[in-house]
Amino acid sequence: MSTQKQTSMIEPSTSSIAPAPKPWRGRLLFALKLAVSLGIVSYLIYVTDWERARDVLARTNWRIAWIAPLLSITGLFIAGQRWRLLLKAFGLPIGWLEPFILYLSASYYAIILPGWFGSDALRILLYARTRTKLAVKAGMTVLAERTMGFTGLLILAACMSFFTPIPAIEAAGVSLRIFLPLAAGVGLLALASLLFLSSRLPRPHNTHHGWSALWNRTFMLAHTLSEAPSGTWPKALILSSGYQFCDFLGAFCLAQALGLEIGLLQMLLVMPLANLITILPISLGGVGIREGTLTFLLVQLGVPLSDALMLCFLIFLARLVVYLTGGIVHATQGPHLKPQNP
């Protein structure tokens, strides 16, 4: 055998090797997202009437405001039970309290990690540290959680759009009463169709590039999710709605603590819309774009600009309390947390 043939047997062809990733693209994308977040936050700080903001904070009813972080922690417990439901649906062992502790522990790192995406990755890591062979399936359950959360937000916003019109959006020729129910219906139909077809279509060829790779991963995720027992998805959707309702009810309590003239149904529309906009990958963890969207929507409902910004500030403080509580839980329970059997 010639030397050239021996070399070809040992070294793979350069055409079969995936091109090396370009780290500068990731750094540039991070820098652009950071610039968007800082730009929006800086603008909101600039347009704030700080004298009025001080007056608003001075009349804040802190007894009501403290209900918000308690509701958020309650919501995390419900979210933990949603995750436990999905884990059990795929045969992954976990007790009833462990998901809640993992959610709290991961929420602490949301202070420095890029939003919930970073905390989701950490939650998977914490779960799989003693279950290394289950990491991939655990990751799929987290993706399923986010799918249920997105669907729940669309459904809630669609329902509330019939009770709360947004003047500026309606004036632009966009009817939320038509658009949101249509988007929710299309989303549910697309999800149901993907789950149905994934169990009946042949598995696509493995590929690592472009749209084919994206379709392959989406198909594999849907195929795995379609194997869940019947009744799993309605229960997960109900738990997702409960989790989100706690979060939005907490924001409403903060609005009441500030003395803002805004109703619960209005908050149940603007909060899902502000959360949905963060799905767009144009800011760092949704920071800035979430606050800007919420401020815009509140102003359209008649809330003064500075009052709306102070509400965003209090929502951030309430989440910070939850994050720090998660840090305490992680420091005391995390290192000693042992896997529980259901």
C-alpha atoms as a PDB file:
ATOM      1  CA  MET A   1       0.000   0.000   0.000  1.00  0.00           C
ATOM      2  CA  SER A   2       1.395   3.379  -0.944  1.00  0.00           C
ATOM      3  CA  THR A   3       2.240   6.097   1.532  1.00  0.00           C
ATOM      4  CA  GLN A   4      -0.491   8.297   0.050  1.00  0.00           C
ATOM      5  CA  LYS A   5      -3.136   5.623   0.622  1.00  0.00           C
ATOM      6  CA  GLN A   6      -1.958   5.027   4.198  1.00  0.00           C
ATOM      7  CA  THR A   7      -2.189   8.717   4.896  1.00  0.00           C
ATOM      8  CA  SER A   8      -5.687   8.868   3.470  1.00  0.00           C
ATOM      9  CA  MET A   9      -6.767   6.023   5.765  1.00  0.00           C
ATOM     10  CA  ILE A  10      -5.453   7.787   8.849  1.00  0.00           C
ATOM     11  CA  GLU A  11      -6.410  11.376   8.068  1.00  0.00           C
ATOM     12  CA  PRO A  12      -9.980  12.226   7.049  1.00  0.00           C
ATOM     13  CA  SER A  13     -10.580  14.221   3.927  1.00  0.00           C
ATOM     14  CA  THR A  14     -10.581  17.958   4.477  1.00  0.00           C
ATOM     15  CA  SER A  15     -13.902  18.177   2.685  1.00  0.00           C
ATOM     16  CA  SER A  16     -15.572  16.118   5.434  1.00  0.00           C
ATOM     17  CA  ILE A  17     -14.282  18.277   8.258  1.00  0.00           C
ATOM     18  CA  ALA A  18     -16.637  20.996   9.469  1.00  0.00           C
ATOM     19  CA  PRO A  19     -15.228  24.496   9.088  1.00  0.00           C
ATOM     20  CA  ALA A  20     -13.773  25.947  12.252  1.00  0.00           C
ATOM     21  CA  PRO A  21     -16.158  28.274  14.045  1.00  0.00           C
ATOM     22  CA  LYS A  22     -15.393  31.962  13.861  1.00  0.00           C
ATOM     23  CA  PRO A  23     -15.291  33.306  17.441  1.00  0.00           C
ATOM     24  CA  TRP A  24     -15.409  36.914  16.260  1.00  0.00           C
ATOM     25  CA  ARG A  25     -18.999  36.437  15.114  1.00  0.00           C
ATOM     26  CA  GLY A  26     -20.112  35.443  18.583  1.00  0.00           C
ATOM     27  CA  ARG A  27     -18.227  38.338  20.135  1.00  0.00           C
ATOM     28  CA  LEU A  28     -19.677  40.787  17.631  1.00  0.00           C
ATOM     29  CA  LEU A  29     -23.208  39.497  18.276  1.00  0.00           C
ATOM     30  CA  PHE A  30     -22.683  39.803  22.038  1.00  0.00           C
ATOM     31  CA  ALA A  31     -21.374  43.350  21.617  1.00  0.00           C
ATOM     32  CA  LEU A  32     -24.371  44.341  19.476  1.00  0.00           C
ATOM     33  CA  LYS A  33     -26.856  42.887  21.962  1.00  0.00           C
ATOM     34  CA  LEU A  34     -25.070  44.619  24.831  1.00  0.00           C
ATOM     35  CA  ALA A  35     -25.165  47.905  22.905  1.00  0.00           C
ATOM     36  CA  VAL A  36     -28.921  47.552  22.321  1.00  0.00           C
ATOM     37  CA  SER A  37     -29.582  46.794  26.005  1.00  0.00           C
ATOM     38  CA  LEU A  38     -27.397  49.622  27.280  1.00  0.00           C
ATOM     39  CA  GLY A  39     -28.793  52.017  24.683  1.00  0.00           C
ATOM     40  CA  ILE A  40     -32.428  51.406  25.631  1.00  0.00           C
ATOM     41  CA  VAL A  41     -31.721  51.493  29.372  1.00  0.00           C
ATOM     42  CA  SER A  42     -29.713  54.729  28.993  1.00  0.00           C
ATOM     43  CA  TYR A  43     -32.529  56.333  27.017  1.00  0.00           C
ATOM     44  CA  LEU A  44     -35.112  55.352  29.620  1.00  0.00           C
ATOM     45  CA  ILE A  45     -32.933  56.830  32.359  1.00  0.00           C
ATOM     46  CA  TYR A  46     -32.515  60.014  30.296  1.00  0.00           C
ATOM     47  CA  VAL A  47     -36.246  60.603  29.740  1.00  0.00           C
ATOM     48  CA  THR A  48     -37.201  59.918  33.364  1.00  0.00           C
ATOM     49  CA  ASP A  49     -38.560  62.847  35.362  1.00  0.00           C
ATOM     50  CA  TRP A  50     -36.588  62.117  38.515  1.00  0.00           C
ATOM     51  CA  GLU A  51     -38.480  64.589  40.695  1.00  0.00           C
ATOM     52  CA  ARG A  52     -41.747  62.840  39.895  1.00  0.00           C
ATOM     53  CA  ALA A  53     -40.024  59.463  40.247  1.00  0.00           C
ATOM     54  CA  ARG A  54     -38.950  60.372  43.796  1.00  0.00           C
ATOM     55  CA  ASP A  55     -42.513  61.390  44.629  1.00  0.00           C
ATOM     56  CA  VAL A  56     -43.843  58.118  43.235  1.00  0.00           C
ATOM     57  CA  LEU A  57     -41.387  56.047  45.244  1.00  0.00           C
ATOM     58  CA  ALA A  58     -42.079  58.100  48.370  1.00  0.00           C
ATOM     59  CA  ARG A  59     -45.759  57.156  48.322  1.00  0.00           C
ATOM     60  CA  THR A  60     -45.088  53.476  47.608  1.00  0.00           C
ATOM     61  CA  ASN A  61     -46.975  51.070  49.866  1.00  0.00           C
ATOM     62  CA  TRP A  62     -44.164  48.623  50.670  1.00  0.00           C
ATOM     63  CA  ARG A  63     -46.505  46.256  52.506  1.00  0.00           C
ATOM     64  CA  ILE A  64     -48.194  45.549  49.180  1.00  0.00           C
ATOM     65  CA  ALA A  65     -44.917  45.610  47.253  1.00  0.00           C
ATOM     66  CA  TRP A  66     -43.487  42.725  49.291  1.00  0.00           C
ATOM     67  CA  ILE A  67     -46.233  40.460  47.980  1.00  0.00           C
ATOM     68  CA  ALA A  68     -44.574  40.519  44.536  1.00  0.00           C
ATOM     69  CA  PRO A  69     -41.409  38.489  45.347  1.00  0.00           C
ATOM     70  CA  LEU A  70     -43.503  36.033  47.367  1.00  0.00           C
ATOM     71  CA  LEU A  71     -45.721  35.491  44.332  1.00  0.00           C
ATOM     72  CA  SER A  72     -42.641  35.072  42.136  1.00  0.00           C
ATOM     73  CA  ILE A  73     -41.251  32.395  44.443  1.00  0.00           C
ATOM     74  CA  THR A  74     -44.654  30.685  44.419  1.00  0.00           C
ATOM     75  CA  GLY A  75     -44.526  30.820  40.634  1.00  0.00           C
ATOM     76  CA  LEU A  76     -41.096  29.170  40.649  1.00  0.00           C
ATOM     77  CA  PHE A  77     -42.511  26.341  42.745  1.00  0.00           C
ATOM     78  CA  ILE A  78     -45.279  25.849  40.175  1.00  0.00           C
ATOM     79  CA  ALA A  79     -42.676  25.968  37.400  1.00  0.00           C
ATOM     80  CA  GLY A  80     -40.696  23.328  39.266  1.00  0.00           C
ATOM     81  CA  GLN A  81     -43.734  21.060  39.314  1.00  0.00           C
ATOM     82  CA  ARG A  82     -44.147  21.623  35.577  1.00  0.00           C
ATOM     83  CA  TRP A  83     -40.547  20.527  35.036  1.00  0.00           C
ATOM     84  CA  ARG A  84     -41.064  17.506  37.309  1.00  0.00           C
ATOM     85  CA  LEU A  85     -44.106  16.530  35.246  1.00  0.00           C
ATOM     86  CA  LEU A  86     -42.074  16.635  32.035  1.00  0.00           C
ATOM     87  CA  LEU A  87     -39.105  14.827  33.558  1.00  0.00           C
ATOM     88  CA  LYS A  88     -41.351  12.023  34.807  1.00  0.00           C
ATOM     89  CA  ALA A  89     -43.025  11.833  31.385  1.00  0.00           C
ATOM     90  CA  PHE A  90     -39.645  10.875  29.919  1.00  0.00           C
ATOM     91  CA  GLY A  91     -38.753   8.502  32.731  1.00  0.00           C
ATOM     92  CA  LEU A  92     -36.240  10.799  34.417  1.00  0.00           C
ATOM     93  CA  PRO A  93     -36.072  10.476  38.221  1.00  0.00           C
ATOM     94  CA  ILE A  94     -36.696  13.502  40.433  1.00  0.00           C
ATOM     95  CA  GLY A  95     -38.514  14.249  43.684  1.00  0.00           C
ATOM     96  CA  TRP A  96     -41.165  16.899  44.302  1.00  0.00           C
ATOM     97  CA  LEU A  97     -38.885  19.443  46.038  1.00  0.00           C
ATOM     98  CA  GLU A  98     -35.696  19.125  43.977  1.00  0.00           C
ATOM     99  CA  PRO A  99     -37.037  20.971  40.876  1.00  0.00           C
ATOM    100  CA  PHE A 100     -38.002  23.966  43.029  1.00  0.00           C
ATOM    101  CA  ILE A 101     -34.536  24.083  44.614  1.00  0.00           C
ATOM    102  CA  LEU A 102     -32.882  23.801  41.209  1.00  0.00           C
ATOM    103  CA  TYR A 103     -35.087  26.593  39.843  1.00  0.00           C
ATOM    104  CA  LEU A 104     -34.161  28.858  42.748  1.00  0.00           C
ATOM    105  CA  SER A 105     -30.464  27.998  42.470  1.00  0.00           C
ATOM    106  CA  ALA A 106     -30.446  28.703  38.738  1.00  0.00           C
ATOM    107  CA  SER A 107     -32.375  31.958  39.166  1.00  0.00           C
ATOM    108  CA  TYR A 108     -29.485  33.326  41.256  1.00  0.00           C
ATOM    109  CA  TYR A 109     -27.158  33.042  38.279  1.00  0.00           C
ATOM    110  CA  ALA A 110     -29.649  34.903  36.085  1.00  0.00           C
ATOM    111  CA  ILE A 111     -28.084  38.051  37.602  1.00  0.00           C
ATOM    112  CA  ILE A 112     -24.885  37.524  35.584  1.00  0.00           C
ATOM    113  CA  LEU A 113     -25.874  34.993  32.929  1.00  0.00           C
ATOM    114  CA  PRO A 114     -27.740  36.066  29.753  1.00  0.00           C
ATOM    115  CA  GLY A 115     -31.305  35.894  31.023  1.00  0.00           C
ATOM    116  CA  TRP A 116     -33.240  32.668  31.445  1.00  0.00           C
ATOM    117  CA  PHE A 117     -31.247  30.942  28.721  1.00  0.00           C
ATOM    118  CA  GLY A 118     -28.176  30.928  30.927  1.00  0.00           C
ATOM    119  CA  SER A 119     -30.128  29.885  34.014  1.00  0.00           C
ATOM    120  CA  ASP A 120     -31.790  27.082  32.026  1.00  0.00           C
ATOM    121  CA  ALA A 121     -28.371  25.756  31.027  1.00  0.00           C
ATOM    122  CA  LEU A 122     -27.245  25.880  34.648  1.00  0.00           C
ATOM    123  CA  ARG A 123     -30.409  24.098  35.790  1.00  0.00           C
ATOM    124  CA  ILE A 124     -29.679  21.265  33.373  1.00  0.00           C
ATOM    125  CA  LEU A 125     -26.084  21.143  34.613  1.00  0.00           C
ATOM    126  CA  LEU A 126     -27.169  20.960  38.254  1.00  0.00           C
ATOM    127  CA  TYR A 127     -29.665  18.213  37.497  1.00  0.00           C
ATOM    128  CA  ALA A 128     -27.210  16.182  35.434  1.00  0.00           C
ATOM    129  CA  ARG A 129     -24.187  16.456  37.733  1.00  0.00           C
ATOM    130  CA  THR A 130     -24.999  13.067  39.243  1.00  0.00           C
ATOM    131  CA  ARG A 131     -26.981  11.864  36.242  1.00  0.00           C
ATOM    132  CA  THR A 132     -24.576  12.512  33.382  1.00  0.00           C
ATOM    133  CA  LYS A 133     -26.305  10.095  31.008  1.00  0.00           C
ATOM    134  CA  LEU A 134     -29.600  11.965  31.356  1.00  0.00           C
ATOM    135  CA  ALA A 135     -28.371  15.440  30.415  1.00  0.00           C
ATOM    136  CA  VAL A 136     -29.662  15.349  26.827  1.00  0.00           C
ATOM    137  CA  LYS A 137     -33.179  14.301  27.788  1.00  0.00           C
ATOM    138  CA  ALA A 138     -33.213  16.835  30.624  1.00  0.00           C
ATOM    139  CA  GLY A 139     -32.279  19.509  28.107  1.00  0.00           C
ATOM    140  CA  MET A 140     -35.189  18.491  25.915  1.00  0.00           C
ATOM    141  CA  THR A 141     -37.603  18.856  28.833  1.00  0.00           C
ATOM    142  CA  VAL A 142     -36.334  22.405  29.400  1.00  0.00           C
ATOM    143  CA  LEU A 143     -36.926  23.205  25.727  1.00  0.00           C
ATOM    144  CA  ALA A 144     -40.414  21.753  26.118  1.00  0.00           C
ATOM    145  CA  GLU A 145     -40.925  24.030  29.136  1.00  0.00           C
ATOM    146  CA  ARG A 146     -40.036  27.098  27.104  1.00  0.00           C
ATOM    147  CA  THR A 147     -42.358  25.958  24.305  1.00  0.00           C
ATOM    148  CA  MET A 148     -45.212  25.618  26.783  1.00  0.00           C
ATOM    149  CA  GLY A 149     -44.356  29.002  28.287  1.00  0.00           C
ATOM    150  CA  PHE A 150     -44.361  30.717  24.892  1.00  0.00           C
ATOM    151  CA  THR A 151     -47.673  29.082  23.986  1.00  0.00           C
ATOM    152  CA  GLY A 152     -49.195  30.086  27.324  1.00  0.00           C
ATOM    153  CA  LEU A 153     -48.123  33.707  26.848  1.00  0.00           C
ATOM    154  CA  LEU A 154     -49.708  33.823  23.409  1.00  0.00           C
ATOM    155  CA  ILE A 155     -52.976  32.336  24.666  1.00  0.00           C
ATOM    156  CA  LEU A 156     -53.153  34.696  27.659  1.00  0.00           C
ATOM    157  CA  ALA A 157     -52.361  37.766  25.564  1.00  0.00           C
ATOM    158  CA  ALA A 158     -54.924  36.660  22.951  1.00  0.00           C
ATOM    159  CA  CYS A 159     -57.644  36.332  25.591  1.00  0.00           C
ATOM    160  CA  MET A 160     -56.842  39.661  27.250  1.00  0.00           C
ATOM    161  CA  SER A 161     -56.744  41.513  23.911  1.00  0.00           C
ATOM    162  CA  PHE A 162     -60.545  41.351  23.792  1.00  0.00           C
ATOM    163  CA  PHE A 163     -60.762  43.404  27.018  1.00  0.00           C
ATOM    164  CA  THR A 164     -57.869  45.877  26.676  1.00  0.00           C
ATOM    165  CA  PRO A 165     -57.220  47.772  23.417  1.00  0.00           C
ATOM    166  CA  ILE A 166     -53.848  49.503  22.962  1.00  0.00           C
ATOM    167  CA  PRO A 167     -54.613  52.862  21.241  1.00  0.00           C
ATOM    168  CA  ALA A 168     -51.245  53.361  19.484  1.00  0.00           C
ATOM    169  CA  ILE A 169     -51.178  49.813  18.118  1.00  0.00           C
ATOM    170  CA  GLU A 170     -54.798  49.980  16.978  1.00  0.00           C
ATOM    171  CA  ALA A 171     -54.141  53.368  15.332  1.00  0.00           C
ATOM    172  CA  ALA A 172     -51.288  51.805  13.359  1.00  0.00           C
ATOM    173  CA  GLY A 173     -53.779  49.459  11.757  1.00  0.00           C
ATOM    174  CA  VAL A 174     -52.863  46.375  13.802  1.00  0.00           C
ATOM    175  CA  SER A 175     -55.818  44.811  15.577  1.00  0.00           C
ATOM    176  CA  LEU A 176     -54.565  42.823  18.558  1.00  0.00           C
ATOM    177  CA  ARG A 177     -57.987  41.185  18.801  1.00  0.00           C
ATOM    178  CA  ILE A 178     -57.299  39.594  15.420  1.00  0.00           C
ATOM    179  CA  PHE A 179     -53.517  39.249  15.403  1.00  0.00           C
ATOM    180  CA  LEU A 180     -52.957  37.660  18.812  1.00  0.00           C
ATOM    181  CA  PRO A 181     -55.684  34.970  18.577  1.00  0.00           C
ATOM    182  CA  LEU A 182     -54.485  34.209  15.052  1.00  0.00           C
ATOM    183  CA  ALA A 183     -50.859  33.918  16.232  1.00  0.00           C
ATOM    184  CA  ALA A 184     -51.890  31.693  19.134  1.00  0.00           C
ATOM    185  CA  GLY A 185     -53.957  29.477  16.823  1.00  0.00           C
ATOM    186  CA  VAL A 186     -51.151  29.184  14.274  1.00  0.00           C
ATOM    187  CA  GLY A 187     -48.651  28.390  17.038  1.00  0.00           C
ATOM    188  CA  LEU A 188     -50.834  25.656  18.519  1.00  0.00           C
ATOM    189  CA  LEU A 189     -51.540  24.204  15.075  1.00  0.00           C
ATOM    190  CA  ALA A 190     -47.842  24.218  14.154  1.00  0.00           C
ATOM    191  CA  LEU A 191     -46.885  22.543  17.443  1.00  0.00           C
ATOM    192  CA  ALA A 192     -49.601  19.893  17.122  1.00  0.00           C
ATOM    193  CA  SER A 193     -48.680  19.221  13.481  1.00  0.00           C
ATOM    194  CA  LEU A 194     -44.987  18.877  14.302  1.00  0.00           C
ATOM    195  CA  LEU A 195     -45.685  16.438  17.127  1.00  0.00           C
ATOM    196  CA  PHE A 196     -48.048  14.440  14.899  1.00  0.00           C
ATOM    197  CA  LEU A 197     -45.765  14.271  11.868  1.00  0.00           C
ATOM    198  CA  SER A 198     -42.555  13.605  13.811  1.00  0.00           C
ATOM    199  CA  SER A 199     -43.838  10.201  14.893  1.00  0.00           C
ATOM    200  CA  ARG A 200     -44.779   9.244  11.327  1.00  0.00           C
ATOM    201  CA  LEU A 201     -42.063  10.686   9.089  1.00  0.00           C
ATOM    202  CA  PRO A 202     -38.678   8.974   8.642  1.00  0.00           C
ATOM    203  CA  ARG A 203     -35.769  10.390  10.558  1.00  0.00           C
ATOM    204  CA  PRO A 204     -33.780  12.898   8.462  1.00  0.00           C
ATOM    205  CA  HIS A 205     -30.124  12.347   7.622  1.00  0.00           C
ATOM    206  CA  ASN A 206     -27.622  13.663  10.146  1.00  0.00           C
ATOM    207  CA  THR A 207     -26.143  16.982   9.138  1.00  0.00           C
ATOM    208  CA  HIS A 208     -24.261  19.715  10.948  1.00  0.00           C
ATOM    209  CA  HIS A 209     -24.755  22.770   8.779  1.00  0.00           C
ATOM    210  CA  GLY A 210     -27.400  25.309   7.839  1.00  0.00           C
ATOM    211  CA  TRP A 211     -31.152  24.858   7.779  1.00  0.00           C
ATOM    212  CA  SER A 212     -30.848  21.083   7.454  1.00  0.00           C
ATOM    213  CA  ALA A 213     -29.171  20.923  10.857  1.00  0.00           C
ATOM    214  CA  LEU A 214     -31.888  23.130  12.365  1.00  0.00           C
ATOM    215  CA  TRP A 215     -34.641  20.935  10.918  1.00  0.00           C
ATOM    216  CA  ASN A 216     -32.863  17.792  12.122  1.00  0.00           C
ATOM    217  CA  ARG A 217     -32.653  19.075  15.684  1.00  0.00           C
ATOM    218  CA  THR A 218     -36.235  20.325  15.626  1.00  0.00           C
ATOM    219  CA  PHE A 219     -37.439  16.979  14.294  1.00  0.00           C
ATOM    220  CA  MET A 220     -35.539  15.007  16.939  1.00  0.00           C
ATOM    221  CA  LEU A 221     -36.921  17.224  19.697  1.00  0.00           C
ATOM    222  CA  ALA A 222     -40.475  16.868  18.406  1.00  0.00           C
ATOM    223  CA  HIS A 223     -40.063  13.117  17.999  1.00  0.00           C
ATOM    224  CA  THR A 224     -38.933  12.806  21.614  1.00  0.00           C
ATOM    225  CA  LEU A 225     -41.730  15.044  22.888  1.00  0.00           C
ATOM    226  CA  SER A 226     -44.347  13.102  20.931  1.00  0.00           C
ATOM    227  CA  GLU A 227     -43.498  10.007  22.996  1.00  0.00           C
ATOM    228  CA  ALA A 228     -44.778  11.648  26.205  1.00  0.00           C
ATOM    229  CA  PRO A 229     -47.889  10.055  27.768  1.00  0.00           C
ATOM    230  CA  SER A 230     -51.247  11.539  26.828  1.00  0.00           C
ATOM    231  CA  GLY A 231     -52.330  14.326  29.145  1.00  0.00           C
ATOM    232  CA  THR A 232     -48.780  15.578  29.729  1.00  0.00           C
ATOM    233  CA  TRP A 233     -49.057  18.669  27.536  1.00  0.00           C
ATOM    234  CA  PRO A 234     -52.410  19.995  28.815  1.00  0.00           C
ATOM    235  CA  LYS A 235     -51.149  19.642  32.389  1.00  0.00           C
ATOM    236  CA  ALA A 236     -47.863  21.343  31.498  1.00  0.00           C
ATOM    237  CA  LEU A 237     -49.737  24.186  29.800  1.00  0.00           C
ATOM    238  CA  ILE A 238     -51.958  24.674  32.871  1.00  0.00           C
ATOM    239  CA  LEU A 239     -48.910  24.750  35.163  1.00  0.00           C
ATOM    240  CA  SER A 240     -47.209  27.216  32.787  1.00  0.00           C
ATOM    241  CA  SER A 241     -50.248  29.471  32.990  1.00  0.00           C
ATOM    242  CA  GLY A 242     -50.199  29.275  36.794  1.00  0.00           C
ATOM    243  CA  TYR A 243     -46.507  30.152  36.883  1.00  0.00           C
ATOM    244  CA  GLN A 244     -46.978  33.143  34.589  1.00  0.00           C
ATOM    245  CA  PHE A 245     -50.113  34.322  36.391  1.00  0.00           C
ATOM    246  CA  CYS A 246     -48.154  34.502  39.671  1.00  0.00           C
ATOM    247  CA  ASP A 247     -45.502  36.615  37.985  1.00  0.00           C
ATOM    248  CA  PHE A 248     -48.026  38.966  36.385  1.00  0.00           C
ATOM    249  CA  LEU A 249     -50.094  39.206  39.568  1.00  0.00           C
ATOM    250  CA  GLY A 250     -46.919  40.243  41.362  1.00  0.00           C
ATOM    251  CA  ALA A 251     -46.396  43.023  38.809  1.00  0.00           C
ATOM    252  CA  PHE A 252     -50.001  44.139  39.356  1.00  0.00           C
ATOM    253  CA  CYS A 253     -49.369  44.289  43.121  1.00  0.00           C
ATOM    254  CA  LEU A 254     -46.362  46.521  42.478  1.00  0.00           C
ATOM    255  CA  ALA A 255     -48.511  48.771  40.295  1.00  0.00           C
ATOM    256  CA  GLN A 256     -51.052  49.023  43.106  1.00  0.00           C
ATOM    257  CA  ALA A 257     -48.271  49.730  45.594  1.00  0.00           C
ATOM    258  CA  LEU A 258     -47.236  52.691  43.440  1.00  0.00           C
ATOM    259  CA  GLY A 259     -50.834  53.873  43.203  1.00  0.00           C
ATOM    260  CA  LEU A 260     -51.035  53.465  39.421  1.00  0.00           C
ATOM    261  CA  GLU A 261     -54.464  53.522  37.844  1.00  0.00           C
ATOM    262  CA  ILE A 262     -54.270  50.292  35.904  1.00  0.00           C
ATOM    263  CA  GLY A 263     -56.435  47.205  36.157  1.00  0.00           C
ATOM    264  CA  LEU A 264     -55.534  43.540  36.463  1.00  0.00           C
ATOM    265  CA  LEU A 265     -56.836  42.706  32.979  1.00  0.00           C
ATOM    266  CA  GLN A 266     -54.648  45.437  31.510  1.00  0.00           C
ATOM    267  CA  MET A 267     -51.576  44.045  33.289  1.00  0.00           C
ATOM    268  CA  LEU A 268     -52.457  40.570  32.040  1.00  0.00           C
ATOM    269  CA  LEU A 269     -52.116  41.935  28.514  1.00  0.00           C
ATOM    270  CA  VAL A 270     -49.069  44.195  28.708  1.00  0.00           C
ATOM    271  CA  MET A 271     -46.910  41.793  30.739  1.00  0.00           C
ATOM    272  CA  PRO A 272     -47.236  38.855  28.284  1.00  0.00           C
ATOM    273  CA  LEU A 273     -46.546  41.217  25.365  1.00  0.00           C
ATOM    274  CA  ALA A 274     -43.426  42.572  27.096  1.00  0.00           C
ATOM    275  CA  ASN A 275     -42.217  39.025  27.750  1.00  0.00           C
ATOM    276  CA  LEU A 276     -42.986  37.838  24.220  1.00  0.00           C
ATOM    277  CA  ILE A 277     -40.889  40.614  22.675  1.00  0.00           C
ATOM    278  CA  THR A 278     -37.811  39.355  24.549  1.00  0.00           C
ATOM    279  CA  ILE A 279     -37.850  36.242  22.360  1.00  0.00           C
ATOM    280  CA  LEU A 280     -36.327  38.397  19.621  1.00  0.00           C
ATOM    281  CA  PRO A 281     -32.533  37.895  19.866  1.00  0.00           C
ATOM    282  CA  ILE A 282     -31.690  41.598  19.680  1.00  0.00           C
ATOM    283  CA  SER A 283     -30.718  42.341  23.283  1.00  0.00           C
ATOM    284  CA  LEU A 284     -28.781  40.718  26.101  1.00  0.00           C
ATOM    285  CA  GLY A 285     -31.225  38.425  27.865  1.00  0.00           C
ATOM    286  CA  GLY A 286     -34.114  40.733  26.951  1.00  0.00           C
ATOM    287  CA  VAL A 287     -32.725  43.510  29.190  1.00  0.00           C
ATOM    288  CA  GLY A 288     -33.802  46.915  27.980  1.00  0.00           C
ATOM    289  CA  ILE A 289     -36.220  45.748  25.319  1.00  0.00           C
ATOM    290  CA  ARG A 290     -38.505  44.254  28.000  1.00  0.00           C
ATOM    291  CA  GLU A 291     -38.502  47.465  30.023  1.00  0.00           C
ATOM    292  CA  GLY A 292     -38.882  49.639  26.930  1.00  0.00           C
ATOM    293  CA  THR A 293     -41.836  47.627  25.641  1.00  0.00           C
ATOM    294  CA  LEU A 294     -43.565  47.567  29.025  1.00  0.00           C
ATOM    295  CA  THR A 295     -43.062  51.311  29.456  1.00  0.00           C
ATOM    296  CA  PHE A 296     -44.471  52.025  25.982  1.00  0.00           C
ATOM    297  CA  LEU A 297     -47.547  49.875  26.576  1.00  0.00           C
ATOM    298  CA  LEU A 298     -48.232  51.375  30.008  1.00  0.00           C
ATOM    299  CA  VAL A 299     -47.966  54.913  28.625  1.00  0.00           C
ATOM    300  CA  GLN A 300     -50.486  53.967  25.930  1.00  0.00           C
ATOM    301  CA  LEU A 301     -52.867  52.936  28.712  1.00  0.00           C
ATOM    302  CA  GLY A 302     -52.589  56.357  30.367  1.00  0.00           C
ATOM    303  CA  VAL A 303     -49.820  55.734  32.905  1.00  0.00           C
ATOM    304  CA  PRO A 304     -47.343  58.655  33.166  1.00  0.00           C
ATOM    305  CA  LEU A 305     -43.906  57.879  31.751  1.00  0.00           C
ATOM    306  CA  SER A 306     -41.985  58.253  35.014  1.00  0.00           C
ATOM    307  CA  ASP A 307     -44.560  56.158  36.877  1.00  0.00           C
ATOM    308  CA  ALA A 308     -44.233  53.391  34.287  1.00  0.00           C
ATOM    309  CA  LEU A 309     -40.442  53.469  34.592  1.00  0.00           C
ATOM    310  CA  MET A 310     -40.656  53.228  38.375  1.00  0.00           C
ATOM    311  CA  LEU A 311     -42.877  50.183  37.988  1.00  0.00           C
ATOM    312  CA  CYS A 312     -40.197  48.606  35.783  1.00  0.00           C
ATOM    313  CA  PHE A 313     -37.648  49.461  38.478  1.00  0.00           C
ATOM    314  CA  LEU A 314     -39.745  47.818  41.209  1.00  0.00           C
ATOM    315  CA  ILE A 315     -40.262  44.719  39.050  1.00  0.00           C
ATOM    316  CA  PHE A 316     -36.487  44.493  38.703  1.00  0.00           C
ATOM    317  CA  LEU A 317     -36.051  44.875  42.484  1.00  0.00           C
ATOM    318  CA  ALA A 318     -38.629  42.147  43.134  1.00  0.00           C
ATOM    319  CA  ARG A 319     -36.787  39.802  40.785  1.00  0.00           C
ATOM    320  CA  LEU A 320     -33.513  40.709  42.448  1.00  0.00           C
ATOM    321  CA  VAL A 321     -34.978  39.631  45.804  1.00  0.00           C
ATOM    322  CA  VAL A 322     -35.930  36.300  44.224  1.00  0.00           C
ATOM    323  CA  TYR A 323     -32.463  35.917  42.671  1.00  0.00           C
ATOM    324  CA  LEU A 324     -30.738  36.597  45.994  1.00  0.00           C
ATOM    325  CA  THR A 325     -33.085  34.148  47.721  1.00  0.00           C
ATOM    326  CA  GLY A 326     -32.008  31.622  45.123  1.00  0.00           C
ATOM    327  CA  GLY A 327     -28.390  32.381  45.967  1.00  0.00           C
ATOM    328  CA  ILE A 328     -29.025  31.642  49.646  1.00  0.00           C
ATOM    329  CA  VAL A 329     -30.813  28.406  48.755  1.00  0.00           C
ATOM    330  CA  HIS A 330     -27.997  27.389  46.425  1.00  0.00           C
ATOM    331  CA  ALA A 331     -25.340  28.148  49.036  1.00  0.00           C
ATOM    332  CA  THR A 332     -27.121  26.174  51.754  1.00  0.00           C
ATOM    333  CA  GLN A 333     -28.857  23.402  49.824  1.00  0.00           C
ATOM    334  CA  GLY A 334     -27.150  23.201  46.445  1.00  0.00           C
ATOM    335  CA  PRO A 335     -23.858  21.533  47.445  1.00  0.00           C
ATOM    336  CA  HIS A 336     -25.712  19.043  49.680  1.00  0.00           C
ATOM    337  CA  LEU A 337     -28.629  18.366  47.344  1.00  0.00           C
ATOM    338  CA  LYS A 338     -28.924  14.676  46.598  1.00  0.00           C
ATOM    339  CA  PRO A 339     -31.002  13.227  43.807  1.00  0.00           C
ATOM    340  CA  GLN A 340     -34.441  12.207  45.008  1.00  0.00           C
ATOM    341  CA  ASN A 341     -36.492   9.364  43.697  1.00  0.00           C
ATOM    342  CA  PRO A 342     -40.122  10.090  42.946  1.00  0.00           C
END
